[in-house]
PDB file of N, CA and C in Angstrom:
ATOM      1  N   MET A   1      93.914 114.664  92.695  1.00  0.00           N
ATOM      2  CA  MET A   1      93.535 113.317  93.599  1.00  0.00           C
ATOM      3  C   MET A   1      93.787 111.785  93.079  1.00  0.00           C
ATOM      4  N   ALA A   2      94.293 111.152  93.629  1.00  0.00           N
ATOM      5  CA  ALA A   2      95.023 109.714  93.276  1.00  0.00           C
ATOM      6  C   ALA A   2      93.680 108.663  92.867  1.00  0.00           C
ATOM      7  N   GLU A   3      93.288 107.803  92.188  1.00  0.00           N
ATOM      8  CA  GLU A   3      92.771 106.883  91.972  1.00  0.00           C
ATOM      9  C   GLU A   3      92.636 106.031  92.955  1.00  0.00           C
ATOM     10  N   ILE A   4      91.869 105.120  93.496  1.00  0.00           N
ATOM     11  CA  ILE A   4      91.630 104.140  94.298  1.00  0.00           C
ATOM     12  C   ILE A   4      92.619 103.107  93.994  1.00  0.00           C
ATOM     13  N   THR A   5      92.376 102.769  91.984  1.00  0.00           N
ATOM     14  CA  THR A   5      93.239 101.553  91.818  1.00  0.00           C
ATOM     15  C   THR A   5      94.701 101.981  92.180  1.00  0.00           C
ATOM     16  N   SER A   6      95.441 103.202  92.069  1.00  0.00           N
ATOM     17  CA  SER A   6      96.602 103.619  92.272  1.00  0.00           C
ATOM     18  C   SER A   6      97.420 102.700  93.665  1.00  0.00           C
ATOM     19  N   LEU A   7      96.206 102.322  94.727  1.00  0.00           N
ATOM     20  CA  LEU A   7      97.166 101.917  95.623  1.00  0.00           C
ATOM     21  C   LEU A   7      97.121 100.028  95.311  1.00  0.00           C
ATOM     22  N   GLY A   8      96.624  99.829  94.290  1.00  0.00           N
ATOM     23  CA  GLY A   8      96.514  98.339  94.224  1.00  0.00           C
ATOM     24  C   GLY A   8      95.152  97.409  93.906  1.00  0.00           C
ATOM     25  N   LEU A   9      94.392  98.541  94.355  1.00  0.00           N
ATOM     26  CA  LEU A   9      92.911  97.808  94.591  1.00  0.00           C
ATOM     27  C   LEU A   9      92.228  97.578  93.159  1.00  0.00           C
ATOM     28  N   GLY A  10      91.458  96.789  92.843  1.00  0.00           N
ATOM     29  CA  GLY A  10      90.884  96.567  91.545  1.00  0.00           C
ATOM     30  C   GLY A  10      89.687  97.470  91.646  1.00  0.00           C
ATOM     31  N   LYS A  11      88.826  97.318  90.381  1.00  0.00           N
ATOM     32  CA  LYS A  11      87.938  98.623  89.879  1.00  0.00           C
ATOM     33  C   LYS A  11      86.610  98.226  90.450  1.00  0.00           C
ATOM     34  N   THR A  12      86.526  97.066  90.675  1.00  0.00           N
ATOM     35  CA  THR A  12      85.173  96.390  91.607  1.00  0.00           C
ATOM     36  C   THR A  12      85.310  96.896  93.125  1.00  0.00           C
ATOM     37  N   MET A  13      86.531  96.960  93.455  1.00  0.00           N
ATOM     38  CA  MET A  13      86.653  97.516  94.932  1.00  0.00           C
ATOM     39  C   MET A  13      86.393  98.824  95.026  1.00  0.00           C
ATOM     40  N   GLU A  14      87.142  99.535  94.090  1.00  0.00           N
ATOM     41  CA  GLU A  14      87.137 101.226  93.853  1.00  0.00           C
ATOM     42  C   GLU A  14      85.348 101.497  93.604  1.00  0.00           C
ATOM     43  N   LYS A  15      84.810 100.627  93.048  1.00  0.00           N
ATOM     44  CA  LYS A  15      83.306 101.117  92.639  1.00  0.00           C
ATOM     45  C   LYS A  15      82.378 101.000  93.930  1.00  0.00           C
ATOM     46  N   LYS A  16      82.721 100.010  94.760  1.00  0.00           N
ATOM     47  CA  LYS A  16      82.158  99.907  96.126  1.00  0.00           C
ATOM     48  C   LYS A  16      82.758 100.632  97.215  1.00  0.00           C
ATOM     49  N   LEU A  17      83.660 100.976  96.779  1.00  0.00           N
ATOM     50  CA  LEU A  17      84.118 102.351  98.084  1.00  0.00           C
ATOM     51  C   LEU A  17      83.117 103.744  97.470  1.00  0.00           C
ATOM     52  N   ARG A  18      82.959 104.005  96.111  1.00  0.00           N
ATOM     53  CA  ARG A  18      82.625 105.259  96.089  1.00  0.00           C
ATOM     54  C   ARG A  18      81.377 104.989  96.117  1.00  0.00           C
ATOM     55  N   VAL A  19      80.614 103.857  96.328  1.00  0.00           N
ATOM     56  CA  VAL A  19      79.037 103.723  96.550  1.00  0.00           C
ATOM     57  C   VAL A  19      79.161 104.480  98.123  1.00  0.00           C
ATOM     58  N   VAL A  20      80.065 103.877  99.055  1.00  0.00           N
ATOM     59  CA  VAL A  20      80.251 104.150 100.533  1.00  0.00           C
ATOM     60  C   VAL A  20      80.920 105.635 100.693  1.00  0.00           C
ATOM     61  N   GLY A  21      81.272 106.433  99.592  1.00  0.00           N
ATOM     62  CA  GLY A  21      81.638 107.762  99.727  1.00  0.00           C
ATOM     63  C   GLY A  21      83.206 108.007  99.873  1.00  0.00           C
ATOM     64  N   ILE A  22      83.821 106.977  99.422  1.00  0.00           N
ATOM     65  CA  ILE A  22      85.433 106.872  99.116  1.00  0.00           C
ATOM     66  C   ILE A  22      85.732 107.081  97.741  1.00  0.00           C
ATOM     67  N   HIS A  23      86.098 108.271  97.611  1.00  0.00           N
ATOM     68  CA  HIS A  23      86.452 108.536  96.061  1.00  0.00           C
ATOM     69  C   HIS A  23      87.549 108.668  95.282  1.00  0.00           C
ATOM     70  N   SER A  24      88.413 108.490  96.397  1.00  0.00           N
ATOM     71  CA  SER A  24      90.147 108.298  95.704  1.00  0.00           C
ATOM     72  C   SER A  24      91.122 107.797  97.043  1.00  0.00           C
ATOM     73  N   ALA A  25      92.386 108.031  96.665  1.00  0.00           N
ATOM     74  CA  ALA A  25      93.480 107.206  97.568  1.00  0.00           C
ATOM     75  C   ALA A  25      93.470 107.950  98.861  1.00  0.00           C
ATOM     76  N   GLU A  26      93.770 109.045  98.788  1.00  0.00           N
ATOM     77  CA  GLU A  26      93.948 109.990  99.833  1.00  0.00           C
ATOM     78  C   GLU A  26      92.668 110.059 100.737  1.00  0.00           C
ATOM     79  N   GLU A  27      91.558 109.975 100.295  1.00  0.00           N
ATOM     80  CA  GLU A  27      90.138 109.856 101.035  1.00  0.00           C
ATOM     81  C   GLU A  27      90.354 108.308 101.817  1.00  0.00           C
ATOM     82  N   LEU A  28      90.848 107.293 101.195  1.00  0.00           N
ATOM     83  CA  LEU A  28      91.059 105.784 101.922  1.00  0.00           C
ATOM     84  C   LEU A  28      92.088 106.013 102.928  1.00  0.00           C
ATOM     85  N   LYS A  29      93.252 106.967 102.828  1.00  0.00           N
ATOM     86  CA  LYS A  29      94.128 106.945 103.450  1.00  0.00           C
ATOM     87  C   LYS A  29      93.856 107.515 104.736  1.00  0.00           C
ATOM     88  N   GLU A  30      92.964 108.807 104.625  1.00  0.00           N
ATOM     89  CA  GLU A  30      92.423 109.819 105.732  1.00  0.00           C
ATOM     90  C   GLU A  30      91.620 108.640 106.263  1.00  0.00           C
ATOM     91  N   ILE A  31      90.445 108.450 106.407  1.00  0.00           N
ATOM     92  CA  ILE A  31      89.543 107.554 106.278  1.00  0.00           C
ATOM     93  C   ILE A  31      90.327 106.414 107.250  1.00  0.00           C
ATOM     94  N   GLY A  32      91.066 105.563 106.351  1.00  0.00           N
ATOM     95  CA  GLY A  32      91.352 104.038 107.417  1.00  0.00           C
ATOM     96  C   GLY A  32      91.032 103.190 107.021  1.00  0.00           C
ATOM     97  N   SER A  33      91.408 101.761 107.028  1.00  0.00           N
ATOM     98  CA  SER A  33      90.868 100.644 106.494  1.00  0.00           C
ATOM     99  C   SER A  33      89.513 100.267 107.413  1.00  0.00           C
ATOM    100  N   LYS A  34      89.666 100.680 108.869  1.00  0.00           N
ATOM    101  CA  LYS A  34      88.497 100.389 109.457  1.00  0.00           C
ATOM    102  C   LYS A  34      87.547 100.932 109.213  1.00  0.00           C
ATOM    103  N   GLN A  35      87.416 101.937 109.327  1.00  0.00           N
ATOM    104  CA  GLN A  35      86.216 102.779 108.766  1.00  0.00           C
ATOM    105  C   GLN A  35      85.636 102.145 107.492  1.00  0.00           C
ATOM    106  N   ALA A  36      86.534 102.774 106.678  1.00  0.00           N
ATOM    107  CA  ALA A  36      85.843 101.885 105.004  1.00  0.00           C
ATOM    108  C   ALA A  36      85.455 100.667 105.067  1.00  0.00           C
ATOM    109  N   VAL A  37      85.766  99.786 105.997  1.00  0.00           N
ATOM    110  CA  VAL A  37      85.402  98.353 106.050  1.00  0.00           C
ATOM    111  C   VAL A  37      83.829  98.604 106.781  1.00  0.00           C
ATOM    112  N   PHE A  38      83.764  99.186 107.674  1.00  0.00           N
ATOM    113  CA  PHE A  38      82.358  99.827 108.732  1.00  0.00           C
ATOM    114  C   PHE A  38      81.416 100.178 107.311  1.00  0.00           C
ATOM    115  N   ARG A  39      81.955 100.889 106.588  1.00  0.00           N
ATOM    116  CA  ARG A  39      80.999 101.560 105.639  1.00  0.00           C
ATOM    117  C   ARG A  39      80.574 100.648 104.630  1.00  0.00           C
ATOM    118  N   LEU A  40      81.664  99.919 104.054  1.00  0.00           N
ATOM    119  CA  LEU A  40      81.243  98.854 102.831  1.00  0.00           C
ATOM    120  C   LEU A  40      80.523  97.851 103.799  1.00  0.00           C
ATOM    121  N   LYS A  41      80.340  97.067 104.992  1.00  0.00           N
ATOM    122  CA  LYS A  41      79.786  96.216 105.377  1.00  0.00           C
ATOM    123  C   LYS A  41      78.419  96.451 105.821  1.00  0.00           C
ATOM    124  N   GLU A  42      77.723  98.170 105.841  1.00  0.00           N
ATOM    125  CA  GLU A  42      76.476  98.269 106.144  1.00  0.00           C
ATOM    126  C   GLU A  42      75.703  98.279 104.799  1.00  0.00           C
ATOM    127  N   ILE A  43      76.788  98.279 103.433  1.00  0.00           N
ATOM    128  CA  ILE A  43      76.324  98.374 102.284  1.00  0.00           C
ATOM    129  C   ILE A  43      76.050  96.755 101.700  1.00  0.00           C
ATOM    130  N   TYR A  44      77.155  96.713 101.668  1.00  0.00           N
ATOM    131  CA  TYR A  44      77.677  95.028 101.405  1.00  0.00           C
ATOM    132  C   TYR A  44      77.726  94.002 102.615  1.00  0.00           C
ATOM    133  N   PRO A  45      76.607  93.487 103.461  1.00  0.00           N
ATOM    134  CA  PRO A  45      76.981  92.967 104.287  1.00  0.00           C
ATOM    135  C   PRO A  45      77.739  91.871 104.388  1.00  0.00           C
ATOM    136  N   ASN A  46      78.048  90.910 103.320  1.00  0.00           N
ATOM    137  CA  ASN A  46      78.706  89.751 102.903  1.00  0.00           C
ATOM    138  C   ASN A  46      80.346  90.137 102.834  1.00  0.00           C
ATOM    139  N   THR A  47      80.744  91.514 103.616  1.00  0.00           N
ATOM    140  CA  THR A  47      82.278  91.948 103.117  1.00  0.00           C
ATOM    141  C   THR A  47      82.691  91.026 104.168  1.00  0.00           C
ATOM    142  N   CYS A  48      84.150  90.523 103.978  1.00  0.00           N
ATOM    143  CA  CYS A  48      84.727  89.528 105.055  1.00  0.00           C
ATOM    144  C   CYS A  48      86.224  90.224 105.378  1.00  0.00           C
ATOM    145  N   VAL A  49      86.399  89.572 106.011  1.00  0.00           N
ATOM    146  CA  VAL A  49      87.681  90.229 106.989  1.00  0.00           C
ATOM    147  C   VAL A  49      88.888  90.414 106.298  1.00  0.00           C
ATOM    148  N   VAL A  50      89.061  89.525 104.778  1.00  0.00           N
ATOM    149  CA  VAL A  50      90.021  89.684 103.809  1.00  0.00           C
ATOM    150  C   VAL A  50      89.999  91.050 103.304  1.00  0.00           C
ATOM    151  N   ILE A  51      88.929  91.465 103.401  1.00  0.00           N
ATOM    152  CA  ILE A  51      88.467  93.109 102.547  1.00  0.00           C
ATOM    153  C   ILE A  51      89.629  93.863 103.517  1.00  0.00           C
ATOM    154  N   LEU A  52      88.916  93.715 104.754  1.00  0.00           N
ATOM    155  CA  LEU A  52      89.842  94.616 105.685  1.00  0.00           C
ATOM    156  C   LEU A  52      91.530  94.437 105.420  1.00  0.00           C
ATOM    157  N   TYR A  53      91.833  93.150 105.112  1.00  0.00           N
ATOM    158  CA  TYR A  53      93.576  93.058 105.207  1.00  0.00           C
ATOM    159  C   TYR A  53      94.027  93.738 104.242  1.00  0.00           C
ATOM    160  N   HIS A  54      92.943  93.796 102.797  1.00  0.00           N
ATOM    161  CA  HIS A  54      93.194  94.215 101.859  1.00  0.00           C
ATOM    162  C   HIS A  54      93.444  95.579 101.776  1.00  0.00           C
ATOM    163  N   LEU A  55      92.020  96.388 102.612  1.00  0.00           N
ATOM    164  CA  LEU A  55      92.305  97.686 102.552  1.00  0.00           C
ATOM    165  C   LEU A  55      93.548  98.221 103.375  1.00  0.00           C
ATOM    166  N   GLU A  56      93.686  97.726 104.356  1.00  0.00           N
ATOM    167  CA  GLU A  56      94.563  98.036 105.496  1.00  0.00           C
ATOM    168  C   GLU A  56      96.521  97.890 104.439  1.00  0.00           C
ATOM    169  N   ALA A  57      96.748  97.002 104.341  1.00  0.00           N
ATOM    170  CA  ALA A  57      97.652  96.745 102.901  1.00  0.00           C
ATOM    171  C   ALA A  57      98.180  97.475 102.064  1.00  0.00           C
ATOM    172  N   ALA A  58      96.756  98.048 101.192  1.00  0.00           N
ATOM    173  CA  ALA A  58      96.919  98.986 100.416  1.00  0.00           C
ATOM    174  C   ALA A  58      97.295 100.318 100.621  1.00  0.00           C
ATOM    175  N   ILE A  59      96.587 100.740 102.083  1.00  0.00           N
ATOM    176  CA  ILE A  59      97.100 102.020 102.689  1.00  0.00           C
ATOM    177  C   ILE A  59      98.295 102.048 103.065  1.00  0.00           C
ATOM    178  N   ARG A  60      98.869 100.966 103.617  1.00  0.00           N
ATOM    179  CA  ARG A  60     100.344 100.744 103.834  1.00  0.00           C
ATOM    180  C   ARG A  60     101.485 100.764 102.547  1.00  0.00           C
ATOM    181  N   GLY A  61     100.854 100.637 101.462  1.00  0.00           N
ATOM    182  CA  GLY A  61     101.690 100.279 100.399  1.00  0.00           C
ATOM    183  C   GLY A  61     102.423  98.551 100.511  1.00  0.00           C
ATOM    184  N   CYS A  62     101.847  97.883 100.718  1.00  0.00           N
ATOM    185  CA  CYS A  62     102.625  96.441 101.016  1.00  0.00           C
ATOM    186  C   CYS A  62     101.503  95.454 100.680  1.00  0.00           C
ATOM    187  N   GLU A  63     101.831  93.884 100.762  1.00  0.00           N
ATOM    188  CA  GLU A  63     101.029  93.146 100.016  1.00  0.00           C
ATOM    189  C   GLU A  63     100.615  92.608 101.478  1.00  0.00           C
ATOM    190  N   MET A  64      99.287  91.996 101.158  1.00  0.00           N
ATOM    191  CA  MET A  64      98.266  91.554 102.414  1.00  0.00           C
ATOM    192  C   MET A  64      99.451  90.385 103.255  1.00  0.00           C
ATOM    193  N   LYS A  65     100.115  89.842 102.304  1.00  0.00           N
ATOM    194  CA  LYS A  65     101.039  88.836 103.349  1.00  0.00           C
ATOM    195  C   LYS A  65     101.711  89.284 103.821  1.00  0.00           C
ATOM    196  N   GLN A  66     102.272  90.779 103.196  1.00  0.00           N
ATOM    197  CA  GLN A  66     103.135  91.295 104.250  1.00  0.00           C
ATOM    198  C   GLN A  66     102.857  92.202 105.859  1.00  0.00           C
ATOM    199  N   LEU A  67     101.773  91.897 105.741  1.00  0.00           N
ATOM    200  CA  LEU A  67     100.866  92.443 107.100  1.00  0.00           C
ATOM    201  C   LEU A  67     101.363  91.717 108.485  1.00  0.00           C
ATOM    202  N   GLY A  68     102.072  91.899 109.546  1.00  0.00           N
ATOM    203  CA  GLY A  68     102.154  91.369 110.491  1.00  0.00           C
ATOM    204  C   GLY A  68     101.152  90.585 111.092  1.00  0.00           C
ATOM    205  N   ASP A  69     101.393  89.375 111.816  1.00  0.00           N
ATOM    206  CA  ASP A  69     100.327  89.075 112.461  1.00  0.00           C
ATOM    207  C   ASP A  69      99.669  89.600 113.662  1.00  0.00           C
ATOM    208  N   SER A  70     100.515  90.553 114.385  1.00  0.00           N
ATOM    209  CA  SER A  70      99.568  91.283 115.464  1.00  0.00           C
ATOM    210  C   SER A  70      98.789  92.340 114.970  1.00  0.00           C
ATOM    211  N   VAL A  71      99.342  92.873 113.658  1.00  0.00           N
ATOM    212  CA  VAL A  71      98.203  93.648 112.707  1.00  0.00           C
ATOM    213  C   VAL A  71      96.959  92.742 112.237  1.00  0.00           C
ATOM    214  N   LYS A  72      97.008  91.959 111.918  1.00  0.00           N
ATOM    215  CA  LYS A  72      95.992  91.116 111.229  1.00  0.00           C
ATOM    216  C   LYS A  72      95.001  90.788 112.390  1.00  0.00           C
ATOM    217  N   ALA A  73      95.872  90.305 113.674  1.00  0.00           N
ATOM    218  CA  ALA A  73      94.795  89.864 114.566  1.00  0.00           C
ATOM    219  C   ALA A  73      94.073  91.056 115.127  1.00  0.00           C
ATOM    220  N   GLU A  74      94.578  92.483 115.442  1.00  0.00           N
ATOM    221  CA  GLU A  74      93.826  93.715 115.802  1.00  0.00           C
ATOM    222  C   GLU A  74      92.498  93.647 114.802  1.00  0.00           C
ATOM    223  N   LEU A  75      92.915  93.683 113.340  1.00  0.00           N
ATOM    224  CA  LEU A  75      92.228  93.926 112.516  1.00  0.00           C
ATOM    225  C   LEU A  75      90.847  93.162 112.509  1.00  0.00           C
ATOM    226  N   LYS A  76      91.440  91.579 112.677  1.00  0.00           N
ATOM    227  CA  LYS A  76      89.953  90.685 112.787  1.00  0.00           C
ATOM    228  C   LYS A  76      89.521  90.710 114.410  1.00  0.00           C
ATOM    229  N   GLU A  77      90.066  91.241 115.278  1.00  0.00           N
ATOM    230  CA  GLU A  77      89.131  91.957 116.387  1.00  0.00           C
ATOM    231  C   GLU A  77      88.285  92.708 116.041  1.00  0.00           C
ATOM    232  N   TYR A  78      88.522  93.697 115.576  1.00  0.00           N
ATOM    233  CA  TYR A  78      88.077  95.076 114.768  1.00  0.00           C
ATOM    234  C   TYR A  78      86.534  94.681 114.431  1.00  0.00           C
ATOM    235  N   PHE A  79      86.915  93.617 113.202  1.00  0.00           N
ATOM    236  CA  PHE A  79      86.161  93.209 112.546  1.00  0.00           C
ATOM    237  C   PHE A  79      85.198  92.247 112.958  1.00  0.00           C
ATOM    238  N   LYS A  80      85.226  91.357 114.111  1.00  0.00           N
ATOM    239  CA  LYS A  80      84.258  90.637 114.774  1.00  0.00           C
ATOM    240  C   LYS A  80      83.347  91.424 115.432  1.00  0.00           C
ATOM    241  N   GLN A  81      83.741  92.601 115.824  1.00  0.00           N
ATOM    242  CA  GLN A  81      82.855  93.422 116.677  1.00  0.00           C
ATOM    243  C   GLN A  81      81.801  94.365 115.895  1.00  0.00           C
ATOM    244  N   LEU A  82      81.717  94.187 114.694  1.00  0.00           N
ATOM    245  CA  LEU A  82      81.335  94.707 113.497  1.00  0.00           C
ATOM    246  C   LEU A  82      79.783  94.014 113.376  1.00  0.00           C
TER     247      LEU A  82
END
């Protein structure tokens, strides 16, 4: 199983994801960015929407700035409901 950092996420994010039960890049991809940020927000209430963007970009294998406006809008709407 690949380390979470192999997706371009840092060690701090890797530690936080492990706290919420996500231990590998494969698990993050399987769970998805929305479920991951849902879990993070429960433990780390100051989690912001930018984290959701970073997770989604990491899963897609791109830079956050490469996420389309429609993708960002959908993620932002989801985040507002948390």
